[in-house]
Amino acid sequence: MSSHAPNQARVIPLRPVAAAREPLWRDVVGDVLRRERTAQQRTLKDVAEAARISMPYLSEIERGRKEASSEVLAAAARSLGLGLADVLSLAQGEIARRTPSRTAPARAPMGEVRLAA
């Protein structure tokens, strides 16, 4: 005999629900560089020239399309009047802010499908 009431739908997991995506380091570092550059009302061209990197490459870094070396990040930071540690600290703070806290053990929530009995 079934433990379900005759008129109640049974819930059958279909597939895991996508968990919130943690931010990628390159996206956050790019956001920090772009935010600092625009706060100083400077152009991509100006900062790229000061950092001695190409403007398209700096644009790709800011958009999170490229993961820059520490040397390139340091040059971009210096061109903005910052140290590499400043950029990394700002990025770390941003990641902490964007990442959901994990107070409970991580498990993927399951989606549901309800079937009529």
PDB file of N, CA and C in Angstrom:
ATOM      1  N   MET A   1       0.839  -1.185   0.000  1.00  0.00           N
ATOM      2  CA  MET A   1       0.000   0.000   0.000  1.00  0.00           C
ATOM      3  C   MET A   1       0.883   1.247   0.000  1.00  0.00           C
ATOM      4  N   SER A   2       0.494   2.241  -0.729  1.00  0.00           N
ATOM      5  CA  SER A   2       1.264   3.468  -0.851  1.00  0.00           C
ATOM      6  C   SER A   2       1.080   4.345   0.372  1.00  0.00           C
ATOM      7  N   SER A   3       2.156   5.072   0.717  1.00  0.00           N
ATOM      8  CA  SER A   3       2.074   5.989   1.853  1.00  0.00           C
ATOM      9  C   SER A   3       1.534   7.350   1.435  1.00  0.00           C
ATOM     10  N   HIS A   4       1.312   7.560   0.139  1.00  0.00           N
ATOM     11  CA  HIS A   4       0.792   8.836  -0.356  1.00  0.00           C
ATOM     12  C   HIS A   4      -0.736   8.820  -0.340  1.00  0.00           C
ATOM     13  N   ALA A   5      -1.298   9.978  -0.040  1.00  0.00           N
ATOM     14  CA  ALA A   5      -2.750  10.112  -0.119  1.00  0.00           C
ATOM     15  C   ALA A   5      -3.144   9.994  -1.587  1.00  0.00           C
ATOM     16  N   PRO A   6      -4.306   9.447  -1.910  1.00  0.00           N
ATOM     17  CA  PRO A   6      -4.689   9.191  -3.297  1.00  0.00           C
ATOM     18  C   PRO A   6      -4.720  10.434  -4.184  1.00  0.00           C
ATOM     19  N   ASN A   7      -5.051  11.596  -3.667  1.00  0.00           N
ATOM     20  CA  ASN A   7      -5.171  12.795  -4.505  1.00  0.00           C
ATOM     21  C   ASN A   7      -3.981  13.743  -4.368  1.00  0.00           C
ATOM     22  N   GLN A   8      -2.899  13.296  -3.745  1.00  0.00           N
ATOM     23  CA  GLN A   8      -1.724  14.159  -3.598  1.00  0.00           C
ATOM     24  C   GLN A   8      -0.710  13.839  -4.682  1.00  0.00           C
ATOM     25  N   ALA A   9      -0.074  14.876  -5.176  1.00  0.00           N
ATOM     26  CA  ALA A   9       0.964  14.687  -6.194  1.00  0.00           C
ATOM     27  C   ALA A   9       2.255  14.227  -5.529  1.00  0.00           C
ATOM     28  N   ARG A  10       2.950  13.344  -6.192  1.00  0.00           N
ATOM     29  CA  ARG A  10       4.255  12.899  -5.727  1.00  0.00           C
ATOM     30  C   ARG A  10       5.321  13.821  -6.302  1.00  0.00           C
ATOM     31  N   VAL A  11       6.341  14.159  -5.530  1.00  0.00           N
ATOM     32  CA  VAL A  11       7.429  15.021  -5.985  1.00  0.00           C
ATOM     33  C   VAL A  11       8.623  14.143  -6.324  1.00  0.00           C
ATOM     34  N   ILE A  12       9.070  14.253  -7.562  1.00  0.00           N
ATOM     35  CA  ILE A  12      10.224  13.481  -8.020  1.00  0.00           C
ATOM     36  C   ILE A  12      11.290  14.471  -8.483  1.00  0.00           C
ATOM     37  N   PRO A  13      12.496  14.430  -7.875  1.00  0.00           N
ATOM     38  CA  PRO A  13      13.565  15.333  -8.315  1.00  0.00           C
ATOM     39  C   PRO A  13      13.907  15.071  -9.773  1.00  0.00           C
ATOM     40  N   LEU A  14      14.038  16.146 -10.546  1.00  0.00           N
ATOM     41  CA  LEU A  14      14.368  16.019 -11.961  1.00  0.00           C
ATOM     42  C   LEU A  14      15.870  16.195 -12.188  1.00  0.00           C
ATOM     43  N   ARG A  15      16.399  17.294 -11.738  1.00  0.00           N
ATOM     44  CA  ARG A  15      17.829  17.571 -11.876  1.00  0.00           C
ATOM     45  C   ARG A  15      18.207  18.656 -10.868  1.00  0.00           C
ATOM     46  N   PRO A  16      19.478  18.760 -10.545  1.00  0.00           N
ATOM     47  CA  PRO A  16      19.894  19.783  -9.581  1.00  0.00           C
ATOM     48  C   PRO A  16      19.641  21.184 -10.124  1.00  0.00           C
ATOM     49  N   VAL A  17      19.239  22.083  -9.250  1.00  0.00           N
ATOM     50  CA  VAL A  17      19.091  23.492  -9.600  1.00  0.00           C
ATOM     51  C   VAL A  17      20.489  24.096  -9.577  1.00  0.00           C
ATOM     52  N   ALA A  18      20.805  24.927 -10.540  1.00  0.00           N
ATOM     53  CA  ALA A  18      22.131  25.528 -10.613  1.00  0.00           C
ATOM     54  C   ALA A  18      22.402  26.358  -9.368  1.00  0.00           C
ATOM     55  N   ALA A  19      23.542  26.118  -8.754  1.00  0.00           N
ATOM     56  CA  ALA A  19      23.945  26.882  -7.578  1.00  0.00           C
ATOM     57  C   ALA A  19      24.405  28.264  -8.027  1.00  0.00           C
ATOM     58  N   ALA A  20      24.357  29.216  -7.104  1.00  0.00           N
ATOM     59  CA  ALA A  20      24.829  30.560  -7.416  1.00  0.00           C
ATOM     60  C   ALA A  20      26.304  30.483  -7.798  1.00  0.00           C
ATOM     61  N   ARG A  21      26.650  31.103  -8.887  1.00  0.00           N
ATOM     62  CA  ARG A  21      28.022  31.058  -9.396  1.00  0.00           C
ATOM     63  C   ARG A  21      28.898  32.024  -8.612  1.00  0.00           C
ATOM     64  N   GLU A  22      30.021  31.523  -8.137  1.00  0.00           N
ATOM     65  CA  GLU A  22      30.970  32.405  -7.466  1.00  0.00           C
ATOM     66  C   GLU A  22      31.654  33.264  -8.524  1.00  0.00           C
ATOM     67  N   PRO A  23      31.977  34.512  -8.173  1.00  0.00           N
ATOM     68  CA  PRO A  23      32.604  35.388  -9.164  1.00  0.00           C
ATOM     69  C   PRO A  23      33.998  34.891  -9.532  1.00  0.00           C
ATOM     70  N   LEU A  24      34.369  35.089 -10.771  1.00  0.00           N
ATOM     71  CA  LEU A  24      35.708  34.733 -11.229  1.00  0.00           C
ATOM     72  C   LEU A  24      36.678  35.859 -10.886  1.00  0.00           C
ATOM     73  N   TRP A  25      37.889  35.482 -10.510  1.00  0.00           N
ATOM     74  CA  TRP A  25      38.917  36.453 -10.130  1.00  0.00           C
ATOM     75  C   TRP A  25      39.142  37.476 -11.240  1.00  0.00           C
ATOM     76  N   ARG A  26      39.260  37.010 -12.485  1.00  0.00           N
ATOM     77  CA  ARG A  26      39.545  37.941 -13.583  1.00  0.00           C
ATOM     78  C   ARG A  26      38.408  38.939 -13.789  1.00  0.00           C
ATOM     79  N   ASP A  27      37.157  38.513 -13.558  1.00  0.00           N
ATOM     80  CA  ASP A  27      36.027  39.437 -13.686  1.00  0.00           C
ATOM     81  C   ASP A  27      36.096  40.530 -12.625  1.00  0.00           C
ATOM     82  N   VAL A  28      36.402  40.124 -11.407  1.00  0.00           N
ATOM     83  CA  VAL A  28      36.420  41.081 -10.297  1.00  0.00           C
ATOM     84  C   VAL A  28      37.598  42.040 -10.429  1.00  0.00           C
ATOM     85  N   VAL A  29      38.768  41.536 -10.772  1.00  0.00           N
ATOM     86  CA  VAL A  29      39.932  42.410 -10.960  1.00  0.00           C
ATOM     87  C   VAL A  29      39.648  43.404 -12.083  1.00  0.00           C
ATOM     88  N   GLY A  30      39.057  42.935 -13.155  1.00  0.00           N
ATOM     89  CA  GLY A  30      38.695  43.833 -14.249  1.00  0.00           C
ATOM     90  C   GLY A  30      37.708  44.902 -13.817  1.00  0.00           C
ATOM     91  N   ASP A  31      36.716  44.506 -13.014  1.00  0.00           N
ATOM     92  CA  ASP A  31      35.746  45.479 -12.494  1.00  0.00           C
ATOM     93  C   ASP A  31      36.441  46.542 -11.641  1.00  0.00           C
ATOM     94  N   VAL A  32      37.377  46.111 -10.805  1.00  0.00           N
ATOM     95  CA  VAL A  32      38.108  47.049  -9.939  1.00  0.00           C
ATOM     96  C   VAL A  32      38.903  48.035 -10.790  1.00  0.00           C
ATOM     97  N   LEU A  33      39.622  47.531 -11.778  1.00  0.00           N
ATOM     98  CA  LEU A  33      40.409  48.428 -12.632  1.00  0.00           C
ATOM     99  C   LEU A  33      39.517  49.418 -13.375  1.00  0.00           C
ATOM    100  N   ARG A  34      38.424  48.927 -13.928  1.00  0.00           N
ATOM    101  CA  ARG A  34      37.515  49.819 -14.663  1.00  0.00           C
ATOM    102  C   ARG A  34      36.901  50.869 -13.729  1.00  0.00           C
ATOM    103  N   ARG A  35      36.473  50.438 -12.548  1.00  0.00           N
ATOM    104  CA  ARG A  35      35.873  51.371 -11.583  1.00  0.00           C
ATOM    105  C   ARG A  35      36.877  52.458 -11.187  1.00  0.00           C
ATOM    106  N   GLU A  36      38.121  52.068 -10.925  1.00  0.00           N
ATOM    107  CA  GLU A  36      39.149  53.050 -10.560  1.00  0.00           C
ATOM    108  C   GLU A  36      39.438  54.002 -11.719  1.00  0.00           C
ATOM    109  N   ARG A  37      39.520  53.456 -12.921  1.00  0.00           N
ATOM    110  CA  ARG A  37      39.798  54.293 -14.093  1.00  0.00           C
ATOM    111  C   ARG A  37      38.682  55.303 -14.334  1.00  0.00           C
ATOM    112  N   THR A  38      37.447  54.836 -14.280  1.00  0.00           N
ATOM    113  CA  THR A  38      36.324  55.755 -14.539  1.00  0.00           C
ATOM    114  C   THR A  38      36.146  56.757 -13.399  1.00  0.00           C
ATOM    115  N   ALA A  39      36.473  56.355 -12.176  1.00  0.00           N
ATOM    116  CA  ALA A  39      36.394  57.295 -11.048  1.00  0.00           C
ATOM    117  C   ALA A  39      37.389  58.444 -11.242  1.00  0.00           C
ATOM    118  N   GLN A  40      38.489  58.153 -11.899  1.00  0.00           N
ATOM    119  CA  GLN A  40      39.494  59.180 -12.191  1.00  0.00           C
ATOM    120  C   GLN A  40      39.210  59.904 -13.509  1.00  0.00           C
ATOM    121  N   GLN A  41      38.109  59.547 -14.150  1.00  0.00           N
ATOM    122  CA  GLN A  41      37.701  60.130 -15.429  1.00  0.00           C
ATOM    123  C   GLN A  41      38.818  60.035 -16.474  1.00  0.00           C
ATOM    124  N   ARG A  42      39.410  58.844 -16.534  1.00  0.00           N
ATOM    125  CA  ARG A  42      40.488  58.604 -17.488  1.00  0.00           C
ATOM    126  C   ARG A  42      40.016  57.636 -18.555  1.00  0.00           C
ATOM    127  N   THR A  43      40.613  57.745 -19.719  1.00  0.00           N
ATOM    128  CA  THR A  43      40.240  56.884 -20.840  1.00  0.00           C
ATOM    129  C   THR A  43      41.076  55.603 -20.833  1.00  0.00           C
ATOM    130  N   LEU A  44      40.558  54.606 -21.540  1.00  0.00           N
ATOM    131  CA  LEU A  44      41.325  53.374 -21.734  1.00  0.00           C
ATOM    132  C   LEU A  44      42.679  53.695 -22.367  1.00  0.00           C
ATOM    133  N   LYS A  45      42.661  54.560 -23.363  1.00  0.00           N
ATOM    134  CA  LYS A  45      43.886  54.917 -24.077  1.00  0.00           C
ATOM    135  C   LYS A  45      44.913  55.515 -23.130  1.00  0.00           C
ATOM    136  N   ASP A  46      44.488  56.443 -22.303  1.00  0.00           N
ATOM    137  CA  ASP A  46      45.384  57.115 -21.361  1.00  0.00           C
ATOM    138  C   ASP A  46      46.025  56.114 -20.398  1.00  0.00           C
ATOM    139  N   VAL A  47      45.217  55.260 -19.801  1.00  0.00           N
ATOM    140  CA  VAL A  47      45.727  54.293 -18.817  1.00  0.00           C
ATOM    141  C   VAL A  47      46.595  53.245 -19.496  1.00  0.00           C
ATOM    142  N   ALA A  48      46.180  52.774 -20.666  1.00  0.00           N
ATOM    143  CA  ALA A  48      46.969  51.773 -21.391  1.00  0.00           C
ATOM    144  C   ALA A  48      48.344  52.331 -21.766  1.00  0.00           C
ATOM    145  N   GLU A  49      48.382  53.572 -22.238  1.00  0.00           N
ATOM    146  CA  GLU A  49      49.668  54.184 -22.585  1.00  0.00           C
ATOM    147  C   GLU A  49      50.553  54.329 -21.359  1.00  0.00           C
ATOM    148  N   ALA A  50      49.977  54.774 -20.250  1.00  0.00           N
ATOM    149  CA  ALA A  50      50.755  54.936 -19.017  1.00  0.00           C
ATOM    150  C   ALA A  50      51.272  53.594 -18.502  1.00  0.00           C
ATOM    151  N   ALA A  51      50.502  52.539 -18.705  1.00  0.00           N
ATOM    152  CA  ALA A  51      50.894  51.199 -18.253  1.00  0.00           C
ATOM    153  C   ALA A  51      51.766  50.475 -19.276  1.00  0.00           C
ATOM    154  N   ARG A  52      51.876  51.054 -20.480  1.00  0.00           N
ATOM    155  CA  ARG A  52      52.630  50.452 -21.586  1.00  0.00           C
ATOM    156  C   ARG A  52      52.076  49.085 -21.986  1.00  0.00           C
ATOM    157  N   ILE A  53      50.748  49.031 -22.055  1.00  0.00           N
ATOM    158  CA  ILE A  53      50.064  47.849 -22.587  1.00  0.00           C
ATOM    159  C   ILE A  53      49.095  48.330 -23.662  1.00  0.00           C
ATOM    160  N   SER A  54      48.678  47.447 -24.525  1.00  0.00           N
ATOM    161  CA  SER A  54      47.789  47.878 -25.605  1.00  0.00           C
ATOM    162  C   SER A  54      46.394  48.185 -25.055  1.00  0.00           C
ATOM    163  N   MET A  55      45.750  49.130 -25.698  1.00  0.00           N
ATOM    164  CA  MET A  55      44.401  49.515 -25.295  1.00  0.00           C
ATOM    165  C   MET A  55      43.418  48.343 -25.419  1.00  0.00           C
ATOM    166  N   PRO A  56      43.445  47.567 -26.516  1.00  0.00           N
ATOM    167  CA  PRO A  56      42.523  46.422 -26.590  1.00  0.00           C
ATOM    168  C   PRO A  56      42.764  45.396 -25.475  1.00  0.00           C
ATOM    169  N   TYR A  57      44.040  45.194 -25.107  1.00  0.00           N
ATOM    170  CA  TYR A  57      44.344  44.231 -24.047  1.00  0.00           C
ATOM    171  C   TYR A  57      43.805  44.731 -22.708  1.00  0.00           C
ATOM    172  N   LEU A  58      43.990  46.010 -22.406  1.00  0.00           N
ATOM    173  CA  LEU A  58      43.443  46.569 -21.166  1.00  0.00           C
ATOM    174  C   LEU A  58      41.925  46.449 -21.158  1.00  0.00           C
ATOM    175  N   SER A  59      41.300  46.699 -22.289  1.00  0.00           N
ATOM    176  CA  SER A  59      39.847  46.558 -22.381  1.00  0.00           C
ATOM    177  C   SER A  59      39.415  45.126 -22.079  1.00  0.00           C
ATOM    178  N   GLU A  60      40.144  44.157 -22.629  1.00  0.00           N
ATOM    179  CA  GLU A  60      39.809  42.750 -22.371  1.00  0.00           C
ATOM    180  C   GLU A  60      40.005  42.386 -20.903  1.00  0.00           C
ATOM    181  N   ILE A  61      41.034  42.948 -20.276  1.00  0.00           N
ATOM    182  CA  ILE A  61      41.256  42.706 -18.841  1.00  0.00           C
ATOM    183  C   ILE A  61      40.086  43.278 -18.047  1.00  0.00           C
ATOM    184  N   GLU A  62      39.711  44.510 -18.346  1.00  0.00           N
ATOM    185  CA  GLU A  62      38.604  45.148 -17.623  1.00  0.00           C
ATOM    186  C   GLU A  62      37.292  44.389 -17.792  1.00  0.00           C
ATOM    187  N   ARG A  63      37.082  43.771 -18.940  1.00  0.00           N
ATOM    188  CA  ARG A  63      35.843  43.022 -19.184  1.00  0.00           C
ATOM    189  C   ARG A  63      35.916  41.578 -18.701  1.00  0.00           C
ATOM    190  N   GLY A  64      37.059  41.192 -18.116  1.00  0.00           N
ATOM    191  CA  GLY A  64      37.204  39.833 -17.604  1.00  0.00           C
ATOM    192  C   GLY A  64      37.441  38.804 -18.685  1.00  0.00           C
ATOM    193  N   ARG A  65      37.824  39.244 -19.867  1.00  0.00           N
ATOM    194  CA  ARG A  65      38.068  38.314 -20.982  1.00  0.00           C
ATOM    195  C   ARG A  65      39.472  37.723 -20.935  1.00  0.00           C
ATOM    196  N   LYS A  66      40.395  38.456 -20.320  1.00  0.00           N
ATOM    197  CA  LYS A  66      41.790  38.003 -20.212  1.00  0.00           C
ATOM    198  C   LYS A  66      42.204  38.015 -18.753  1.00  0.00           C
ATOM    199  N   GLU A  67      43.011  37.027 -18.393  1.00  0.00           N
ATOM    200  CA  GLU A  67      43.575  36.965 -17.047  1.00  0.00           C
ATOM    201  C   GLU A  67      45.012  37.462 -17.156  1.00  0.00           C
ATOM    202  N   ALA A  68      45.247  38.661 -16.656  1.00  0.00           N
ATOM    203  CA  ALA A  68      46.540  39.314 -16.824  1.00  0.00           C
ATOM    204  C   ALA A  68      47.575  38.766 -15.845  1.00  0.00           C
ATOM    205  N   SER A  69      48.838  38.857 -16.249  1.00  0.00           N
ATOM    206  CA  SER A  69      49.938  38.475 -15.361  1.00  0.00           C
ATOM    207  C   SER A  69      50.058  39.503 -14.237  1.00  0.00           C
ATOM    208  N   SER A  70      50.798  39.135 -13.196  1.00  0.00           N
ATOM    209  CA  SER A  70      50.994  40.070 -12.084  1.00  0.00           C
ATOM    210  C   SER A  70      51.748  41.312 -12.553  1.00  0.00           C
ATOM    211  N   GLU A  71      52.637  41.157 -13.525  1.00  0.00           N
ATOM    212  CA  GLU A  71      53.376  42.310 -14.046  1.00  0.00           C
ATOM    213  C   GLU A  71      52.443  43.296 -14.744  1.00  0.00           C
ATOM    214  N   VAL A  72      51.530  42.774 -15.534  1.00  0.00           N
ATOM    215  CA  VAL A  72      50.580  43.639 -16.245  1.00  0.00           C
ATOM    216  C   VAL A  72      49.631  44.302 -15.250  1.00  0.00           C
ATOM    217  N   LEU A  73      49.151  43.538 -14.275  1.00  0.00           N
ATOM    218  CA  LEU A  73      48.265  44.125 -13.259  1.00  0.00           C
ATOM    219  C   LEU A  73      48.986  45.215 -12.472  1.00  0.00           C
ATOM    220  N   ALA A  74      50.250  44.980 -12.130  1.00  0.00           N
ATOM    221  CA  ALA A  74      51.019  45.986 -11.397  1.00  0.00           C
ATOM    222  C   ALA A  74      51.187  47.251 -12.235  1.00  0.00           C
ATOM    223  N   ALA A  75      51.444  47.091 -13.528  1.00  0.00           N
ATOM    224  CA  ALA A  75      51.594  48.252 -14.410  1.00  0.00           C
ATOM    225  C   ALA A  75      50.283  49.024 -14.520  1.00  0.00           C
ATOM    226  N   ALA A  76      49.177  48.308 -14.665  1.00  0.00           N
ATOM    227  CA  ALA A  76      47.868  48.972 -14.740  1.00  0.00           C
ATOM    228  C   ALA A  76      47.562  49.684 -13.425  1.00  0.00           C
ATOM    229  N   ALA A  77      47.865  49.034 -12.317  1.00  0.00           N
ATOM    230  CA  ALA A  77      47.631  49.649 -11.003  1.00  0.00           C
ATOM    231  C   ALA A  77      48.463  50.922 -10.856  1.00  0.00           C
ATOM    232  N   ARG A  78      49.754  50.847 -11.190  1.00  0.00           N
ATOM    233  CA  ARG A  78      50.630  52.029 -11.092  1.00  0.00           C
ATOM    234  C   ARG A  78      50.111  53.170 -11.950  1.00  0.00           C
ATOM    235  N   SER A  79      49.609  52.849 -13.141  1.00  0.00           N
ATOM    236  CA  SER A  79      49.109  53.905 -14.027  1.00  0.00           C
ATOM    237  C   SER A  79      47.883  54.597 -13.434  1.00  0.00           C
ATOM    238  N   LEU A  80      47.237  53.925 -12.484  1.00  0.00           N
ATOM    239  CA  LEU A  80      46.072  54.503 -11.795  1.00  0.00           C
ATOM    240  C   LEU A  80      46.450  55.097 -10.438  1.00  0.00           C
ATOM    241  N   GLY A  81      47.758  55.118 -10.135  1.00  0.00           N
ATOM    242  CA  GLY A  81      48.209  55.661  -8.859  1.00  0.00           C
ATOM    243  C   GLY A  81      47.998  54.704  -7.696  1.00  0.00           C
ATOM    244  N   LEU A  82      47.875  53.424  -7.992  1.00  0.00           N
ATOM    245  CA  LEU A  82      47.661  52.404  -6.968  1.00  0.00           C
ATOM    246  C   LEU A  82      48.807  51.410  -6.994  1.00  0.00           C
ATOM    247  N   GLY A  83      48.924  50.646  -5.930  1.00  0.00           N
ATOM    248  CA  GLY A  83      49.851  49.532  -5.917  1.00  0.00           C
ATOM    249  C   GLY A  83      49.109  48.261  -6.278  1.00  0.00           C
ATOM    250  N   LEU A  84      49.864  47.241  -6.626  1.00  0.00           N
ATOM    251  CA  LEU A  84      49.253  45.949  -6.926  1.00  0.00           C
ATOM    252  C   LEU A  84      48.457  45.453  -5.721  1.00  0.00           C
ATOM    253  N   ALA A  85      49.008  45.637  -4.521  1.00  0.00           N
ATOM    254  CA  ALA A  85      48.311  45.198  -3.304  1.00  0.00           C
ATOM    255  C   ALA A  85      46.970  45.906  -3.143  1.00  0.00           C
ATOM    256  N   ASP A  86      46.893  47.172  -3.549  1.00  0.00           N
ATOM    257  CA  ASP A  86      45.621  47.910  -3.462  1.00  0.00           C
ATOM    258  C   ASP A  86      44.561  47.267  -4.351  1.00  0.00           C
ATOM    259  N   VAL A  87      44.942  46.967  -5.585  1.00  0.00           N
ATOM    260  CA  VAL A  87      43.993  46.357  -6.530  1.00  0.00           C
ATOM    261  C   VAL A  87      43.557  44.985  -6.027  1.00  0.00           C
ATOM    262  N   LEU A  88      44.516  44.191  -5.559  1.00  0.00           N
ATOM    263  CA  LEU A  88      44.189  42.848  -5.075  1.00  0.00           C
ATOM    264  C   LEU A  88      43.313  42.904  -3.830  1.00  0.00           C
ATOM    265  N   SER A  89      43.572  43.860  -2.952  1.00  0.00           N
ATOM    266  CA  SER A  89      42.752  44.011  -1.746  1.00  0.00           C
ATOM    267  C   SER A  89      41.325  44.423  -2.101  1.00  0.00           C
ATOM    268  N   LEU A  90      41.193  45.357  -3.025  1.00  0.00           N
ATOM    269  CA  LEU A  90      39.855  45.771  -3.471  1.00  0.00           C
ATOM    270  C   LEU A  90      39.119  44.600  -4.121  1.00  0.00           C
ATOM    271  N   ALA A  91      39.839  43.822  -4.920  1.00  0.00           N
ATOM    272  CA  ALA A  91      39.224  42.665  -5.581  1.00  0.00           C
ATOM    273  C   ALA A  91      38.802  41.618  -4.554  1.00  0.00           C
ATOM    274  N   GLN A  92      39.642  41.377  -3.557  1.00  0.00           N
ATOM    275  CA  GLN A  92      39.306  40.394  -2.521  1.00  0.00           C
ATOM    276  C   GLN A  92      38.056  40.825  -1.765  1.00  0.00           C
ATOM    277  N   GLY A  93      37.964  42.106  -1.429  1.00  0.00           N
ATOM    278  CA  GLY A  93      36.775  42.614  -0.747  1.00  0.00           C
ATOM    279  C   GLY A  93      35.523  42.465  -1.593  1.00  0.00           C
ATOM    280  N   GLU A  94      35.671  42.700  -2.880  1.00  0.00           N
ATOM    281  CA  GLU A  94      34.537  42.567  -3.802  1.00  0.00           C
ATOM    282  C   GLU A  94      34.094  41.111  -3.915  1.00  0.00           C
ATOM    283  N   ILE A  95      35.044  40.193  -3.972  1.00  0.00           N
ATOM    284  CA  ILE A  95      34.693  38.769  -4.032  1.00  0.00           C
ATOM    285  C   ILE A  95      33.963  38.359  -2.762  1.00  0.00           C
ATOM    286  N   ALA A  96      34.458  38.804  -1.616  1.00  0.00           N
ATOM    287  CA  ALA A  96      33.801  38.471  -0.347  1.00  0.00           C
ATOM    288  C   ALA A  96      32.375  39.016  -0.325  1.00  0.00           C
ATOM    289  N   ARG A  97      32.178  40.211  -0.870  1.00  0.00           N
ATOM    290  CA  ARG A  97      30.848  40.819  -0.888  1.00  0.00           C
ATOM    291  C   ARG A  97      29.902  40.069  -1.822  1.00  0.00           C
ATOM    292  N   ARG A  98      30.416  39.615  -2.972  1.00  0.00           N
ATOM    293  CA  ARG A  98      29.576  38.961  -3.984  1.00  0.00           C
ATOM    294  C   ARG A  98      29.318  37.481  -3.713  1.00  0.00           C
ATOM    295  N   THR A  99      30.159  36.854  -2.902  1.00  0.00           N
ATOM    296  CA  THR A  99      30.049  35.414  -2.687  1.00  0.00           C
ATOM    297  C   THR A  99      29.048  35.128  -1.583  1.00  0.00           C
ATOM    298  N   PRO A 100      28.063  34.269  -1.857  1.00  0.00           N
ATOM    299  CA  PRO A 100      27.098  33.924  -0.813  1.00  0.00           C
ATOM    300  C   PRO A 100      27.813  33.233   0.345  1.00  0.00           C
ATOM    301  N   SER A 101      27.412  33.585   1.577  1.00  0.00           N
ATOM    302  CA  SER A 101      28.043  32.952   2.735  1.00  0.00           C
ATOM    303  C   SER A 101      27.624  31.498   2.800  1.00  0.00           C
ATOM    304  N   ARG A 102      28.483  30.699   3.336  1.00  0.00           N
ATOM    305  CA  ARG A 102      28.213  29.261   3.427  1.00  0.00           C
ATOM    306  C   ARG A 102      28.170  28.861   4.891  1.00  0.00           C
ATOM    307  N   THR A 103      27.022  29.015   5.499  1.00  0.00           N
ATOM    308  CA  THR A 103      26.882  28.619   6.891  1.00  0.00           C
ATOM    309  C   THR A 103      26.505  27.159   7.012  1.00  0.00           C
ATOM    310  N   ALA A 104      25.865  26.620   6.013  1.00  0.00           N
ATOM    311  CA  ALA A 104      25.474  25.207   6.013  1.00  0.00           C
ATOM    312  C   ALA A 104      26.361  24.467   5.016  1.00  0.00           C
ATOM    313  N   PRO A 105      26.498  23.163   5.165  1.00  0.00           N
ATOM    314  CA  PRO A 105      27.275  22.410   4.182  1.00  0.00           C
ATOM    315  C   PRO A 105      26.706  22.615   2.782  1.00  0.00           C
ATOM    316  N   ALA A 106      27.591  22.737   1.828  1.00  0.00           N
ATOM    317  CA  ALA A 106      27.159  22.977   0.448  1.00  0.00           C
ATOM    318  C   ALA A 106      26.538  21.724  -0.141  1.00  0.00           C
ATOM    319  N   ARG A 107      25.323  21.859  -0.663  1.00  0.00           N
ATOM    320  CA  ARG A 107      24.703  20.803  -1.451  1.00  0.00           C
ATOM    321  C   ARG A 107      23.849  21.471  -2.507  1.00  0.00           C
ATOM    322  N   ALA A 108      23.780  20.823  -3.609  1.00  0.00           N
ATOM    323  CA  ALA A 108      23.001  21.376  -4.716  1.00  0.00           C
ATOM    324  C   ALA A 108      21.524  21.131  -4.456  1.00  0.00           C
ATOM    325  N   PRO A 109      20.712  22.207  -4.446  1.00  0.00           N
ATOM    326  CA  PRO A 109      19.271  22.009  -4.312  1.00  0.00           C
ATOM    327  C   PRO A 109      18.735  21.264  -5.530  1.00  0.00           C
ATOM    328  N   MET A 110      17.712  20.532  -5.333  1.00  0.00           N
ATOM    329  CA  MET A 110      17.147  19.741  -6.426  1.00  0.00           C
ATOM    330  C   MET A 110      15.904  20.432  -6.976  1.00  0.00           C
ATOM    331  N   GLY A 111      15.730  20.364  -8.296  1.00  0.00           N
ATOM    332  CA  GLY A 111      14.499  20.837  -8.916  1.00  0.00           C
ATOM    333  C   GLY A 111      13.406  19.805  -8.671  1.00  0.00           C
ATOM    334  N   GLU A 112      12.199  20.160  -8.937  1.00  0.00           N
ATOM    335  CA  GLU A 112      11.085  19.256  -8.659  1.00  0.00           C
ATOM    336  C   GLU A 112      10.193  19.094  -9.879  1.00  0.00           C
ATOM    337  N   VAL A 113       9.627  17.915  -9.997  1.00  0.00           N
ATOM    338  CA  VAL A 113       8.595  17.633 -10.988  1.00  0.00           C
ATOM    339  C   VAL A 113       7.452  17.005 -10.216  1.00  0.00           C
ATOM    340  N   ARG A 114       6.272  17.528 -10.374  1.00  0.00           N
ATOM    341  CA  ARG A 114       5.107  16.964  -9.684  1.00  0.00           C
ATOM    342  C   ARG A 114       4.293  16.148 -10.679  1.00  0.00           C
ATOM    343  N   LEU A 115       4.062  14.903 -10.336  1.00  0.00           N
ATOM    344  CA  LEU A 115       3.285  14.009 -11.187  1.00  0.00           C
ATOM    345  C   LEU A 115       1.945  13.722 -10.522  1.00  0.00           C
ATOM    346  N   ALA A 116       0.908  13.723 -11.316  1.00  0.00           N
ATOM    347  CA  ALA A 116      -0.411  13.386 -10.771  1.00  0.00           C
ATOM    348  C   ALA A 116      -0.440  11.893 -10.468  1.00  0.00           C
ATOM    349  N   ALA A 117      -1.111  11.560  -9.370  1.00  0.00           N
ATOM    350  CA  ALA A 117      -1.180  10.143  -8.969  1.00  0.00           C
ATOM    351  C   ALA A 117      -2.210   9.404  -9.791  1.00  0.00           C
TER     352      ALA A 117
END
